[in-house]
Amino acid sequence: MSNAFITRSCVIRGGKVLANGRLLHEMAADTPKAFLEGVYAAEGISYPKFYKMDTLSQLGFLATEVLLGGSPLFGGPAAGGSPPGSGAPAPARGLPGVGGAAFAGAYGPEDVGLVLCNANASLDTDRRYFKTVSDMPSPALFVYTLPNIVIGEICIRHGFKGENAFFVFKEFDTTFIQQYVDGLLDEGAIQACICGWVDVLGATYDAALALVEKTGEQSFTADNLNKMYTWTS
């Protein structure tokens, strides 16, 4: 039985952003990239590198931003100051149903891990890059032809240095993710973890992330991960 808890969550799909089970944003857009850029603007984020990311990284980046609500998990340079590389203070954005910056400064950079998974790896960007190969291969796209780059972008933004892993499954294997993250927490390798599903292919985008900590009210179980993943508004 897990001794950890889901303390925050975020789901992004189908033109909607849900935070802790409540609808935070809903907007129409012609493409996933247009929708994500709309969410970026609505969240009031200032991080110019966002526009250089591929769609998978933008999706994981935004899901994490909403998950954390603008509150850093540790007292590093982003704690009330400038996120690395942004040149601008991190905006304080509240989440529905949670207490804002209650955990700010609670962890060191090595205490926070990231464990993500999806079904299509970096295939969406792989296809875009392949189209450029016959003419002029795009270095800007090539750097995103690995799925774990999304983890790197999130770590750069927030300064996380804990254990991380990216898995590719046909479907969201919540039992595997729960057991894997539980193992890291039980071993003391990390004290908190952002985990879940981040997937993009063509017109489909789907993210469901949970913040897992050692104290809380909602048990960190595969069943509760499934409930989060299947949220609709």
Foldseek 3Di string as FASTA:
>chain_A
DFLKFFDWKWKDWDQFIDIRLHTDGGDDDPALVRSLVVLCVVLVFQAVCLVLDDSLLSQLQSRVCLRLQQAAQADPCLHQHAFARRPGHRDRGDHPPDDGNPRHRVDDLQQEEEEEEEACFLVQLVVVQVVCVVPHRDPSSVVSNGNCVSVVVNCSRRVHDYYYDYYHDNDWPLQVFLVVVSVCCVVSSHAKYKYYYFDDHTRTTITMITIMGSDDDHDRDSVVSVVRRPRDD
